Amino acid sequence: MQIQNSHPNISRATVYRNLNILYEEGKIGRISVPDNAAKFDFMPAHHYHVRCEKCDKLFDVDMNDFDSVEEDLKRKIKNDNGFTFTGCDIIFKGICPECKKSAKI
C-alpha cells in the first residue's frame, strides 16, 4: 500500500474500513475482481472496466448506455433457479499499452 510510505503507522484494516465507509456512503465505487481483493474506484457511478492480464491494473471502459446492456443480459440469462438478478460485474481482459510497450507486443 502506497499510503504506508507517508503514514507508516496506519494499518491496512484502517484503510479498508474507511474505504468501505466511503463506498457505503456512495462516495466511491467498489469493484469485485475474481481471485483478487476488492478494488476501490473514485467514480461511484456504475461503469465497466478492463483488467490488464500482465500488470493486473484496472482501467475504465468508455461505454454508452450501461443500464440497457445489463437489462439485456438479465433478459437473456436462462434462470431456472428462481433468482432475482440485482446486477452484474463485467470486467474485460486485455493488455495495457504500458505492458504492450515493455513486452513489444
N, C-alpha and C. Protein backbone atom coordinates (compact mmCIF):
# COMPACT_ATOMS: atom_id res chain seq x y z
N MET A 1 0.85 -1.18 0.00
CA MET A 1 0.00 0.00 0.00
C MET A 1 0.89 1.24 0.00
N GLN A 2 0.60 2.11 -0.90
CA GLN A 2 1.40 3.33 -1.03
C GLN A 2 1.25 4.26 0.17
N ILE A 3 0.12 4.24 0.82
CA ILE A 3 -0.10 5.17 1.94
C ILE A 3 0.86 4.90 3.09
N GLN A 4 1.32 3.67 3.22
CA GLN A 4 2.24 3.33 4.31
C GLN A 4 3.59 4.02 4.16
N ASN A 5 3.95 4.44 2.94
CA ASN A 5 5.20 5.18 2.75
C ASN A 5 5.17 6.52 3.47
N SER A 6 4.04 7.21 3.39
CA SER A 6 3.94 8.53 4.02
C SER A 6 3.32 8.48 5.42
N HIS A 7 2.61 7.40 5.73
CA HIS A 7 1.98 7.23 7.04
C HIS A 7 2.26 5.81 7.55
N PRO A 8 3.47 5.54 8.03
CA PRO A 8 3.86 4.17 8.39
C PRO A 8 3.07 3.56 9.54
N ASN A 9 2.39 4.37 10.32
CA ASN A 9 1.64 3.83 11.47
C ASN A 9 0.21 3.45 11.13
N ILE A 10 -0.23 3.69 9.92
CA ILE A 10 -1.60 3.36 9.56
C ILE A 10 -1.70 1.88 9.18
N SER A 11 -2.75 1.24 9.64
CA SER A 11 -2.90 -0.19 9.35
C SER A 11 -3.75 -0.40 8.10
N ARG A 12 -3.57 -1.53 7.49
CA ARG A 12 -4.37 -1.91 6.31
C ARG A 12 -5.85 -1.96 6.69
N ALA A 13 -6.16 -2.46 7.88
CA ALA A 13 -7.55 -2.56 8.32
C ALA A 13 -8.21 -1.18 8.40
N THR A 14 -7.47 -0.19 8.89
CA THR A 14 -8.00 1.18 8.97
C THR A 14 -8.30 1.73 7.58
N VAL A 15 -7.39 1.50 6.66
CA VAL A 15 -7.58 1.98 5.28
C VAL A 15 -8.83 1.35 4.69
N TYR A 16 -8.95 0.03 4.76
CA TYR A 16 -10.09 -0.66 4.16
C TYR A 16 -11.40 -0.35 4.87
N ARG A 17 -11.36 -0.16 6.17
CA ARG A 17 -12.57 0.21 6.91
C ARG A 17 -13.08 1.56 6.40
N ASN A 18 -12.17 2.51 6.23
CA ASN A 18 -12.57 3.83 5.74
C ASN A 18 -13.02 3.79 4.28
N LEU A 19 -12.35 3.00 3.46
CA LEU A 19 -12.78 2.84 2.06
C LEU A 19 -14.19 2.25 1.99
N ASN A 20 -14.46 1.26 2.84
CA ASN A 20 -15.81 0.66 2.85
C ASN A 20 -16.86 1.65 3.33
N ILE A 21 -16.53 2.50 4.27
CA ILE A 21 -17.47 3.54 4.73
C ILE A 21 -17.77 4.50 3.57
N LEU A 22 -16.72 4.93 2.86
CA LEU A 22 -16.92 5.83 1.71
C LEU A 22 -17.78 5.15 0.63
N TYR A 23 -17.57 3.84 0.44
CA TYR A 23 -18.38 3.10 -0.53
C TYR A 23 -19.85 3.06 -0.09
N GLU A 24 -20.09 2.75 1.17
CA GLU A 24 -21.46 2.67 1.69
C GLU A 24 -22.16 4.02 1.61
N GLU A 25 -21.42 5.11 1.73
CA GLU A 25 -21.98 6.45 1.61
C GLU A 25 -22.16 6.88 0.15
N GLY A 26 -21.75 6.03 -0.78
CA GLY A 26 -21.90 6.33 -2.20
C GLY A 26 -20.89 7.33 -2.75
N LYS A 27 -19.80 7.52 -2.03
CA LYS A 27 -18.80 8.50 -2.46
C LYS A 27 -17.72 7.91 -3.37
N ILE A 28 -17.53 6.59 -3.29
CA ILE A 28 -16.59 5.90 -4.17
C ILE A 28 -17.24 4.60 -4.64
N GLY A 29 -16.68 3.98 -5.65
CA GLY A 29 -17.17 2.70 -6.12
C GLY A 29 -16.29 1.56 -5.61
N ARG A 30 -16.84 0.35 -5.65
CA ARG A 30 -16.07 -0.83 -5.27
C ARG A 30 -16.21 -1.85 -6.39
N ILE A 31 -15.10 -2.44 -6.77
CA ILE A 31 -15.09 -3.38 -7.88
C ILE A 31 -14.70 -4.75 -7.35
N SER A 32 -15.55 -5.74 -7.57
CA SER A 32 -15.22 -7.10 -7.19
C SER A 32 -14.42 -7.73 -8.32
N VAL A 33 -13.21 -8.13 -8.02
CA VAL A 33 -12.34 -8.73 -9.03
C VAL A 33 -12.09 -10.18 -8.63
N PRO A 34 -12.47 -11.14 -9.50
CA PRO A 34 -12.24 -12.55 -9.15
C PRO A 34 -10.76 -12.82 -8.84
N ASP A 35 -10.53 -13.63 -7.82
CA ASP A 35 -9.19 -14.02 -7.39
C ASP A 35 -8.33 -12.83 -6.95
N ASN A 36 -8.96 -11.75 -6.49
CA ASN A 36 -8.25 -10.56 -6.04
C ASN A 36 -9.05 -9.90 -4.93
N ALA A 37 -8.41 -9.03 -4.19
CA ALA A 37 -9.13 -8.23 -3.20
C ALA A 37 -9.99 -7.21 -3.94
N ALA A 38 -11.04 -6.76 -3.30
CA ALA A 38 -11.89 -5.71 -3.90
C ALA A 38 -11.03 -4.49 -4.17
N LYS A 39 -11.33 -3.82 -5.26
CA LYS A 39 -10.63 -2.59 -5.61
C LYS A 39 -11.62 -1.45 -5.50
N PHE A 40 -11.13 -0.27 -5.15
CA PHE A 40 -11.99 0.88 -4.97
C PHE A 40 -11.74 1.89 -6.08
N ASP A 41 -12.79 2.58 -6.46
CA ASP A 41 -12.76 3.48 -7.61
C ASP A 41 -13.30 4.84 -7.19
N PHE A 42 -12.62 5.91 -7.58
CA PHE A 42 -13.08 7.25 -7.22
C PHE A 42 -14.39 7.60 -7.90
N MET A 43 -14.77 6.86 -8.93
CA MET A 43 -16.01 7.15 -9.66
C MET A 43 -17.12 6.23 -9.13
N PRO A 44 -18.07 6.76 -8.36
CA PRO A 44 -19.08 5.90 -7.75
C PRO A 44 -20.14 5.38 -8.72
N ALA A 45 -20.36 6.06 -9.84
CA ALA A 45 -21.38 5.62 -10.80
C ALA A 45 -20.95 4.29 -11.42
N HIS A 46 -21.93 3.43 -11.64
CA HIS A 46 -21.65 2.12 -12.22
C HIS A 46 -21.04 2.27 -13.61
N HIS A 47 -19.94 1.56 -13.85
CA HIS A 47 -19.31 1.54 -15.16
C HIS A 47 -18.45 0.28 -15.25
N TYR A 48 -17.99 -0.01 -16.44
CA TYR A 48 -17.23 -1.24 -16.66
C TYR A 48 -15.73 -0.97 -16.70
N HIS A 49 -14.97 -2.06 -16.59
CA HIS A 49 -13.52 -1.96 -16.51
C HIS A 49 -12.86 -3.01 -17.40
N VAL A 50 -11.59 -2.75 -17.73
CA VAL A 50 -10.73 -3.73 -18.38
C VAL A 50 -9.54 -3.94 -17.47
N ARG A 51 -9.15 -5.20 -17.30
CA ARG A 51 -8.03 -5.55 -16.43
C ARG A 51 -6.88 -6.04 -17.28
N CYS A 52 -5.70 -5.48 -17.06
CA CYS A 52 -4.52 -5.90 -17.80
C CYS A 52 -4.10 -7.28 -17.30
N GLU A 53 -3.93 -8.21 -18.21
CA GLU A 53 -3.54 -9.57 -17.85
C GLU A 53 -2.08 -9.67 -17.41
N LYS A 54 -1.29 -8.64 -17.68
CA LYS A 54 0.13 -8.66 -17.30
C LYS A 54 0.37 -7.99 -15.95
N CYS A 55 -0.08 -6.74 -15.79
CA CYS A 55 0.21 -5.98 -14.56
C CYS A 55 -0.96 -5.98 -13.56
N ASP A 56 -2.12 -6.48 -13.98
CA ASP A 56 -3.31 -6.60 -13.11
C ASP A 56 -3.97 -5.27 -12.78
N LYS A 57 -3.59 -4.17 -13.44
CA LYS A 57 -4.23 -2.88 -13.20
C LYS A 57 -5.59 -2.84 -13.87
N LEU A 58 -6.49 -2.05 -13.28
CA LEU A 58 -7.83 -1.85 -13.85
C LEU A 58 -7.92 -0.49 -14.51
N PHE A 59 -8.63 -0.43 -15.62
CA PHE A 59 -8.86 0.80 -16.35
C PHE A 59 -10.34 0.91 -16.66
N ASP A 60 -10.87 2.12 -16.70
CA ASP A 60 -12.27 2.34 -17.04
C ASP A 60 -12.50 2.04 -18.52
N VAL A 61 -13.68 1.51 -18.83
CA VAL A 61 -14.09 1.28 -20.22
C VAL A 61 -15.15 2.32 -20.53
N ASP A 62 -14.94 3.07 -21.59
CA ASP A 62 -15.91 4.06 -22.02
C ASP A 62 -16.98 3.36 -22.84
N MET A 63 -18.19 3.27 -22.29
CA MET A 63 -19.26 2.52 -22.94
C MET A 63 -20.57 3.23 -22.67
N ASN A 64 -21.32 3.51 -23.69
CA ASN A 64 -22.60 4.19 -23.53
C ASN A 64 -23.69 3.22 -23.11
N ASP A 65 -24.67 3.74 -22.41
CA ASP A 65 -25.89 3.01 -22.10
C ASP A 65 -25.66 1.75 -21.27
N PHE A 66 -24.98 1.89 -20.14
CA PHE A 66 -24.68 0.76 -19.28
C PHE A 66 -25.93 -0.01 -18.87
N ASP A 67 -26.96 0.72 -18.47
CA ASP A 67 -28.16 0.06 -17.94
C ASP A 67 -28.79 -0.87 -18.96
N SER A 68 -28.86 -0.46 -20.22
CA SER A 68 -29.52 -1.30 -21.21
C SER A 68 -28.71 -2.57 -21.47
N VAL A 69 -27.39 -2.51 -21.34
CA VAL A 69 -26.55 -3.70 -21.53
C VAL A 69 -26.90 -4.72 -20.45
N GLU A 70 -26.93 -4.28 -19.19
CA GLU A 70 -27.24 -5.21 -18.11
C GLU A 70 -28.67 -5.72 -18.19
N GLU A 71 -29.61 -4.86 -18.52
CA GLU A 71 -31.00 -5.30 -18.65
C GLU A 71 -31.14 -6.34 -19.76
N ASP A 72 -30.44 -6.13 -20.87
CA ASP A 72 -30.47 -7.09 -21.97
C ASP A 72 -29.87 -8.43 -21.54
N LEU A 73 -28.77 -8.40 -20.81
CA LEU A 73 -28.16 -9.63 -20.31
C LEU A 73 -29.11 -10.37 -19.36
N LYS A 74 -29.74 -9.64 -18.46
CA LYS A 74 -30.66 -10.26 -17.49
C LYS A 74 -31.81 -10.96 -18.21
N ARG A 75 -32.30 -10.36 -19.28
CA ARG A 75 -33.40 -10.98 -20.04
C ARG A 75 -32.95 -12.25 -20.76
N LYS A 76 -31.69 -12.30 -21.17
CA LYS A 76 -31.20 -13.42 -21.96
C LYS A 76 -30.69 -14.60 -21.12
N ILE A 77 -30.45 -14.38 -19.84
CA ILE A 77 -29.94 -15.45 -18.98
C ILE A 77 -31.04 -16.45 -18.69
N LYS A 78 -30.73 -17.72 -18.89
CA LYS A 78 -31.69 -18.77 -18.53
C LYS A 78 -31.72 -18.86 -17.01
N ASN A 79 -32.88 -18.65 -16.43
CA ASN A 79 -33.00 -18.57 -14.98
C ASN A 79 -33.96 -19.64 -14.47
N ASP A 80 -33.43 -20.85 -14.28
CA ASP A 80 -34.25 -21.96 -13.78
C ASP A 80 -34.20 -22.07 -12.26
N ASN A 81 -33.42 -21.23 -11.60
CA ASN A 81 -33.22 -21.35 -10.16
C ASN A 81 -34.02 -20.36 -9.34
N GLY A 82 -34.81 -19.51 -9.97
CA GLY A 82 -35.64 -18.57 -9.24
C GLY A 82 -34.93 -17.34 -8.72
N PHE A 83 -33.74 -17.05 -9.24
CA PHE A 83 -33.00 -15.87 -8.80
C PHE A 83 -33.68 -14.59 -9.26
N THR A 84 -33.58 -13.57 -8.43
CA THR A 84 -33.89 -12.21 -8.85
C THR A 84 -32.55 -11.54 -9.05
N PHE A 85 -32.22 -11.21 -10.29
CA PHE A 85 -30.92 -10.61 -10.58
C PHE A 85 -30.91 -9.16 -10.12
N THR A 86 -29.85 -8.79 -9.45
CA THR A 86 -29.72 -7.42 -8.94
C THR A 86 -28.62 -6.64 -9.66
N GLY A 87 -27.85 -7.30 -10.46
CA GLY A 87 -26.79 -6.63 -11.20
C GLY A 87 -25.73 -7.62 -11.63
N CYS A 88 -24.68 -7.10 -12.23
CA CYS A 88 -23.57 -7.96 -12.64
C CYS A 88 -22.30 -7.13 -12.68
N ASP A 89 -21.19 -7.82 -12.55
CA ASP A 89 -19.88 -7.20 -12.66
C ASP A 89 -19.23 -7.75 -13.92
N ILE A 90 -18.94 -6.88 -14.85
CA ILE A 90 -18.29 -7.29 -16.09
C ILE A 90 -16.92 -6.64 -16.12
N ILE A 91 -15.90 -7.47 -16.24
CA ILE A 91 -14.53 -6.96 -16.37
C ILE A 91 -13.95 -7.56 -17.64
N PHE A 92 -13.61 -6.70 -18.56
CA PHE A 92 -12.98 -7.13 -19.80
C PHE A 92 -11.50 -7.40 -19.52
N LYS A 93 -10.86 -8.23 -20.35
CA LYS A 93 -9.45 -8.55 -20.19
C LYS A 93 -8.68 -8.06 -21.40
N GLY A 94 -7.41 -7.71 -21.17
CA GLY A 94 -6.55 -7.29 -22.26
C GLY A 94 -5.16 -7.01 -21.74
N ILE A 95 -4.37 -6.37 -22.57
CA ILE A 95 -3.01 -5.98 -22.19
C ILE A 95 -2.91 -4.47 -22.36
N CYS A 96 -2.53 -3.77 -21.30
CA CYS A 96 -2.49 -2.31 -21.32
C CYS A 96 -1.35 -1.81 -22.21
N PRO A 97 -1.42 -0.56 -22.66
CA PRO A 97 -0.38 -0.01 -23.53
C PRO A 97 1.02 -0.07 -22.93
N GLU A 98 1.14 0.16 -21.61
CA GLU A 98 2.45 0.12 -20.96
C GLU A 98 3.06 -1.28 -21.02
N CYS A 99 2.26 -2.29 -20.71
CA CYS A 99 2.76 -3.67 -20.76
C CYS A 99 3.04 -4.10 -22.21
N LYS A 100 2.20 -3.65 -23.11
CA LYS A 100 2.41 -3.96 -24.52
C LYS A 100 3.74 -3.38 -25.01
N LYS A 101 4.01 -2.14 -24.58
CA LYS A 101 5.25 -1.47 -24.97
C LYS A 101 6.46 -2.19 -24.40
N SER A 102 6.40 -2.56 -23.12
CA SER A 102 7.56 -3.20 -22.49
C SER A 102 7.77 -4.63 -23.00
N ALA A 103 6.70 -5.28 -23.45
CA ALA A 103 6.83 -6.64 -23.98
C ALA A 103 7.01 -6.64 -25.49
N LYS A 104 6.88 -5.46 -26.09
CA LYS A 104 7.00 -5.31 -27.55
C LYS A 104 6.03 -6.22 -28.28
N ILE A 105 4.75 -6.18 -27.85
CA ILE A 105 3.70 -6.99 -28.46
C ILE A 105 3.13 -6.24 -29.64
